Structure formats: structure tokens, C-alpha cells
Amino acid sequence: MVAYSSVENGGLISVGYGVALVGAAIARPPLVAVGLLAATLQTVAHALAKSLLFCATSELRTPPAPLNWRRCVASGTDCPPAEPALPSERSPWPGCP
């Protein structure tokens, strides 16, 4: 779902370059400048927003199944350690604390 907006932004960028081409064809430098500026700003804004969006969604995961602590304590087995609350508290190496 995150990748679908790239098609829309590609269209908006193409429209900006199209406006610049029309401005060049009818010899209107302000129209060329507006078209190039719009296309460039849309490209930069899309690159920043999409990068941040993918970084933000990289940490989303499905929640783990809830642990039945009463059964864990009643059976006398060792309970698994609690998952760290923040991603920064996790080890960057899988399997290491």
C-alpha cells in the first residue's frame, strides 16, 4: 500500500516537466521556470517523504501472541524474558542479549 503513491507522484512530476516543455515551445520563460521548479520540488518532497515513510514502517510488526503468565508460573518453568519496549533497546545481532 505504501508504494502506490509513487505512481501519483510520478504523474505530478511529469505534469511539471510538461508545463516546462509547453513554456519552452511557446517561448514563455516564466512558464518554463514554474514547470521546472514544480517538478523539482515534487521530486525532492516525494523522495524525503517516501524515505521517511519506509523508515517509519520498517519497525511495524504483528504483535506476538499473549503469554499466559499464570500457566507459566503454575507449571514451574522458566518464563521467557520480556521483549524490550523500544526498538533501540534490542540487540542489533539476532540471538544476542
N, C-alpha and C. Protein backbone atom coordinates (compact mmCIF):
# COMPACT_ATOMS: atom_id res chain seq x y z
N MET A 1 0.82 -1.18 0.00
CA MET A 1 0.00 0.00 0.00
C MET A 1 0.87 1.26 0.00
N VAL A 2 2.03 1.16 0.61
CA VAL A 2 2.90 2.33 0.70
C VAL A 2 3.44 2.74 -0.67
N ALA A 3 3.62 1.79 -1.57
CA ALA A 3 4.26 2.09 -2.85
C ALA A 3 3.31 2.69 -3.89
N TYR A 4 2.01 2.67 -3.67
CA TYR A 4 1.09 3.17 -4.69
C TYR A 4 1.20 4.67 -4.92
N SER A 5 1.59 5.44 -3.94
CA SER A 5 1.66 6.89 -4.12
C SER A 5 2.78 7.29 -5.07
N SER A 6 3.72 6.41 -5.33
CA SER A 6 4.80 6.72 -6.27
C SER A 6 4.27 6.92 -7.68
N VAL A 7 3.23 6.20 -8.05
CA VAL A 7 2.64 6.36 -9.38
C VAL A 7 2.03 7.75 -9.50
N GLU A 8 1.31 8.17 -8.47
CA GLU A 8 0.71 9.51 -8.48
C GLU A 8 1.78 10.59 -8.54
N ASN A 9 2.81 10.45 -7.74
CA ASN A 9 3.88 11.45 -7.74
C ASN A 9 4.63 11.47 -9.05
N GLY A 10 4.80 10.33 -9.68
CA GLY A 10 5.41 10.29 -11.00
C GLY A 10 4.59 11.08 -12.02
N GLY A 11 3.27 10.98 -11.91
CA GLY A 11 2.40 11.75 -12.78
C GLY A 11 2.50 13.24 -12.54
N LEU A 12 2.55 13.63 -11.27
CA LEU A 12 2.68 15.06 -10.94
C LEU A 12 4.00 15.63 -11.43
N ILE A 13 5.05 14.86 -11.30
CA ILE A 13 6.37 15.31 -11.77
C ILE A 13 6.36 15.44 -13.29
N SER A 14 5.73 14.48 -13.96
CA SER A 14 5.62 14.55 -15.42
C SER A 14 4.82 15.77 -15.87
N VAL A 15 3.77 16.11 -15.15
CA VAL A 15 2.98 17.31 -15.47
C VAL A 15 3.85 18.56 -15.34
N GLY A 16 4.67 18.62 -14.29
CA GLY A 16 5.56 19.76 -14.12
C GLY A 16 6.52 19.92 -15.28
N TYR A 17 7.11 18.79 -15.72
CA TYR A 17 8.02 18.86 -16.87
C TYR A 17 7.25 19.18 -18.15
N GLY A 18 6.03 18.70 -18.24
CA GLY A 18 5.20 19.03 -19.39
C GLY A 18 4.90 20.52 -19.48
N VAL A 19 4.61 21.14 -18.34
CA VAL A 19 4.38 22.59 -18.30
C VAL A 19 5.64 23.32 -18.76
N ALA A 20 6.80 22.84 -18.32
CA ALA A 20 8.05 23.47 -18.74
C ALA A 20 8.26 23.32 -20.25
N LEU A 21 7.93 22.17 -20.80
CA LEU A 21 8.07 21.97 -22.25
C LEU A 21 7.11 22.86 -23.04
N VAL A 22 5.89 23.01 -22.56
CA VAL A 22 4.94 23.89 -23.22
C VAL A 22 5.45 25.33 -23.17
N GLY A 23 5.97 25.73 -22.03
CA GLY A 23 6.54 27.08 -21.90
C GLY A 23 7.69 27.30 -22.86
N ALA A 24 8.51 26.28 -23.05
CA ALA A 24 9.62 26.40 -24.00
C ALA A 24 9.11 26.47 -25.43
N ALA A 25 8.04 25.73 -25.72
CA ALA A 25 7.51 25.70 -27.08
C ALA A 25 6.87 27.04 -27.48
N ILE A 26 6.27 27.72 -26.49
CA ILE A 26 5.61 28.99 -26.82
C ILE A 26 6.47 30.19 -26.39
N ALA A 27 7.73 29.93 -26.07
CA ALA A 27 8.70 30.97 -25.72
C ALA A 27 8.25 31.82 -24.54
N ARG A 28 7.88 31.16 -23.46
CA ARG A 28 7.50 31.84 -22.22
C ARG A 28 8.43 31.37 -21.10
N PRO A 29 9.53 32.06 -20.86
CA PRO A 29 10.48 31.64 -19.82
C PRO A 29 9.87 31.52 -18.42
N PRO A 30 8.92 32.39 -18.02
CA PRO A 30 8.35 32.19 -16.67
C PRO A 30 7.61 30.85 -16.54
N LEU A 31 6.96 30.41 -17.61
CA LEU A 31 6.26 29.13 -17.58
C LEU A 31 7.24 27.96 -17.49
N VAL A 32 8.37 28.10 -18.17
CA VAL A 32 9.42 27.08 -18.09
C VAL A 32 9.94 27.00 -16.65
N ALA A 33 10.18 28.17 -16.06
CA ALA A 33 10.71 28.20 -14.69
C ALA A 33 9.73 27.60 -13.70
N VAL A 34 8.45 27.92 -13.84
CA VAL A 34 7.43 27.38 -12.93
C VAL A 34 7.33 25.87 -13.07
N GLY A 35 7.33 25.38 -14.30
CA GLY A 35 7.24 23.94 -14.53
C GLY A 35 8.43 23.18 -13.97
N LEU A 36 9.64 23.70 -14.21
CA LEU A 36 10.83 23.04 -13.68
C LEU A 36 10.90 23.11 -12.16
N LEU A 37 10.51 24.24 -11.60
CA LEU A 37 10.51 24.37 -10.14
C LEU A 37 9.50 23.42 -9.50
N ALA A 38 8.31 23.34 -10.08
CA ALA A 38 7.28 22.45 -9.54
C ALA A 38 7.73 20.99 -9.61
N ALA A 39 8.29 20.58 -10.73
CA ALA A 39 8.73 19.20 -10.89
C ALA A 39 9.88 18.88 -9.92
N THR A 40 10.80 19.81 -9.78
CA THR A 40 11.94 19.58 -8.88
C THR A 40 11.49 19.52 -7.42
N LEU A 41 10.64 20.43 -7.02
CA LEU A 41 10.15 20.41 -5.63
C LEU A 41 9.34 19.15 -5.35
N GLN A 42 8.54 18.71 -6.31
CA GLN A 42 7.76 17.49 -6.10
C GLN A 42 8.69 16.28 -5.99
N THR A 43 9.74 16.26 -6.80
CA THR A 43 10.70 15.15 -6.73
C THR A 43 11.39 15.10 -5.37
N VAL A 44 11.85 16.24 -4.90
CA VAL A 44 12.54 16.28 -3.60
C VAL A 44 11.58 15.95 -2.46
N ALA A 45 10.38 16.51 -2.50
CA ALA A 45 9.40 16.24 -1.43
C ALA A 45 9.01 14.77 -1.41
N HIS A 46 8.82 14.19 -2.57
CA HIS A 46 8.45 12.77 -2.62
C HIS A 46 9.58 11.89 -2.12
N ALA A 47 10.81 12.22 -2.50
CA ALA A 47 11.95 11.41 -2.05
C ALA A 47 12.09 11.45 -0.54
N LEU A 48 11.95 12.62 0.05
CA LEU A 48 12.05 12.73 1.51
C LEU A 48 10.89 12.04 2.22
N ALA A 49 9.67 12.30 1.75
CA ALA A 49 8.51 11.72 2.41
C ALA A 49 8.49 10.21 2.29
N LYS A 50 8.83 9.69 1.13
CA LYS A 50 8.80 8.23 0.95
C LYS A 50 9.90 7.55 1.75
N SER A 51 11.07 8.18 1.83
CA SER A 51 12.15 7.62 2.65
C SER A 51 11.75 7.56 4.11
N LEU A 52 11.18 8.65 4.60
CA LEU A 52 10.74 8.66 6.00
C LEU A 52 9.61 7.67 6.25
N LEU A 53 8.71 7.53 5.28
CA LEU A 53 7.60 6.60 5.44
C LEU A 53 8.10 5.16 5.51
N PHE A 54 9.03 4.79 4.63
CA PHE A 54 9.56 3.43 4.68
C PHE A 54 10.37 3.19 5.96
N CYS A 55 11.09 4.19 6.42
CA CYS A 55 11.82 4.04 7.69
C CYS A 55 10.85 3.86 8.86
N ALA A 56 9.76 4.60 8.84
CA ALA A 56 8.79 4.51 9.93
C ALA A 56 8.07 3.17 9.93
N THR A 57 7.77 2.64 8.75
CA THR A 57 7.04 1.37 8.70
C THR A 57 7.95 0.16 8.83
N SER A 58 9.25 0.35 8.82
CA SER A 58 10.15 -0.80 8.93
C SER A 58 10.08 -1.45 10.31
N GLU A 59 9.66 -0.71 11.32
CA GLU A 59 9.58 -1.27 12.67
C GLU A 59 8.21 -1.82 13.02
N LEU A 60 7.23 -1.68 12.11
CA LEU A 60 5.91 -2.22 12.39
C LEU A 60 5.92 -3.72 12.22
N ARG A 61 5.42 -4.41 13.20
CA ARG A 61 5.36 -5.86 13.16
C ARG A 61 4.03 -6.31 13.73
N THR A 62 3.70 -7.54 13.46
CA THR A 62 2.49 -8.06 14.08
C THR A 62 2.80 -8.34 15.55
N PRO A 63 1.86 -8.07 16.44
CA PRO A 63 2.14 -8.29 17.85
C PRO A 63 2.27 -9.78 18.15
N PRO A 64 3.13 -10.14 19.09
CA PRO A 64 3.27 -11.55 19.45
C PRO A 64 2.03 -12.04 20.18
N ALA A 65 1.86 -13.34 20.18
CA ALA A 65 0.74 -13.93 20.91
C ALA A 65 0.91 -13.64 22.40
N PRO A 66 -0.18 -13.34 23.10
CA PRO A 66 -0.05 -13.06 24.53
C PRO A 66 0.39 -14.30 25.30
N LEU A 67 1.22 -14.10 26.29
CA LEU A 67 1.74 -15.19 27.10
C LEU A 67 0.85 -15.38 28.32
N ASN A 68 0.49 -16.60 28.59
CA ASN A 68 -0.33 -16.91 29.76
C ASN A 68 0.61 -17.07 30.95
N TRP A 69 0.83 -15.97 31.69
CA TRP A 69 1.78 -15.97 32.81
C TRP A 69 1.33 -16.89 33.95
N ARG A 70 0.04 -17.02 34.15
CA ARG A 70 -0.43 -17.90 35.24
C ARG A 70 -0.03 -19.34 34.95
N ARG A 71 -0.20 -19.77 33.71
CA ARG A 71 0.19 -21.13 33.36
C ARG A 71 1.70 -21.29 33.45
N CYS A 72 2.45 -20.25 33.09
CA CYS A 72 3.91 -20.31 33.15
C CYS A 72 4.37 -20.48 34.59
N VAL A 73 3.80 -19.68 35.49
CA VAL A 73 4.19 -19.74 36.90
C VAL A 73 3.71 -21.05 37.54
N ALA A 74 2.50 -21.48 37.20
CA ALA A 74 1.94 -22.70 37.79
C ALA A 74 2.73 -23.94 37.38
N SER A 75 3.25 -23.94 36.17
CA SER A 75 3.97 -25.13 35.71
C SER A 75 5.40 -25.19 36.27
N GLY A 76 5.90 -24.07 36.79
CA GLY A 76 7.23 -24.05 37.37
C GLY A 76 8.34 -23.91 36.35
N THR A 77 7.99 -23.65 35.11
CA THR A 77 9.03 -23.47 34.09
C THR A 77 9.52 -22.04 34.10
N ASP A 78 10.67 -21.86 33.50
CA ASP A 78 11.20 -20.50 33.38
C ASP A 78 10.38 -19.74 32.35
N CYS A 79 9.96 -18.57 32.72
CA CYS A 79 9.21 -17.72 31.79
C CYS A 79 10.20 -17.06 30.83
N PRO A 80 9.79 -16.87 29.60
CA PRO A 80 10.69 -16.20 28.65
C PRO A 80 10.90 -14.74 29.04
N PRO A 81 12.05 -14.18 28.70
CA PRO A 81 12.29 -12.78 29.04
C PRO A 81 11.33 -11.86 28.29
N ALA A 82 11.00 -10.76 28.91
CA ALA A 82 10.11 -9.79 28.28
C ALA A 82 10.81 -9.13 27.09
N GLU A 83 10.04 -8.84 26.08
CA GLU A 83 10.56 -8.16 24.88
C GLU A 83 10.84 -6.70 25.24
N PRO A 84 11.96 -6.13 24.79
CA PRO A 84 12.24 -4.72 25.07
C PRO A 84 11.13 -3.82 24.52
N ALA A 85 10.83 -2.76 25.23
CA ALA A 85 9.74 -1.87 24.85
C ALA A 85 10.11 -1.03 23.63
N LEU A 86 11.34 -0.62 23.52
CA LEU A 86 11.76 0.26 22.43
C LEU A 86 12.68 -0.48 21.47
N PRO A 87 12.59 -0.17 20.16
CA PRO A 87 13.49 -0.84 19.21
C PRO A 87 14.96 -0.57 19.50
N SER A 88 15.28 0.59 20.09
CA SER A 88 16.67 0.90 20.39
C SER A 88 17.24 0.02 21.50
N GLU A 89 16.35 -0.61 22.29
CA GLU A 89 16.82 -1.48 23.37
C GLU A 89 17.13 -2.88 22.87
N ARG A 90 16.73 -3.20 21.63
CA ARG A 90 17.00 -4.51 21.08
C ARG A 90 18.45 -4.60 20.61
N SER A 91 18.98 -5.78 20.66
CA SER A 91 20.34 -6.01 20.17
C SER A 91 20.33 -5.99 18.65
N PRO A 92 21.32 -5.38 18.02
CA PRO A 92 21.37 -5.41 16.55
C PRO A 92 21.75 -6.78 16.00
N TRP A 93 22.22 -7.69 16.85
CA TRP A 93 22.59 -9.02 16.42
C TRP A 93 21.56 -10.02 16.92
N PRO A 94 20.86 -10.72 16.02
CA PRO A 94 19.85 -11.69 16.45
C PRO A 94 20.44 -12.77 17.34
N GLY A 95 19.73 -13.11 18.37
CA GLY A 95 20.17 -14.16 19.28
C GLY A 95 21.07 -13.69 20.40
N CYS A 96 21.49 -12.42 20.38
CA CYS A 96 22.36 -11.89 21.44
C CYS A 96 21.53 -10.97 22.33
N PRO A 97 21.79 -10.99 23.60
CA PRO A 97 21.02 -10.11 24.50
C PRO A 97 21.45 -8.66 24.36
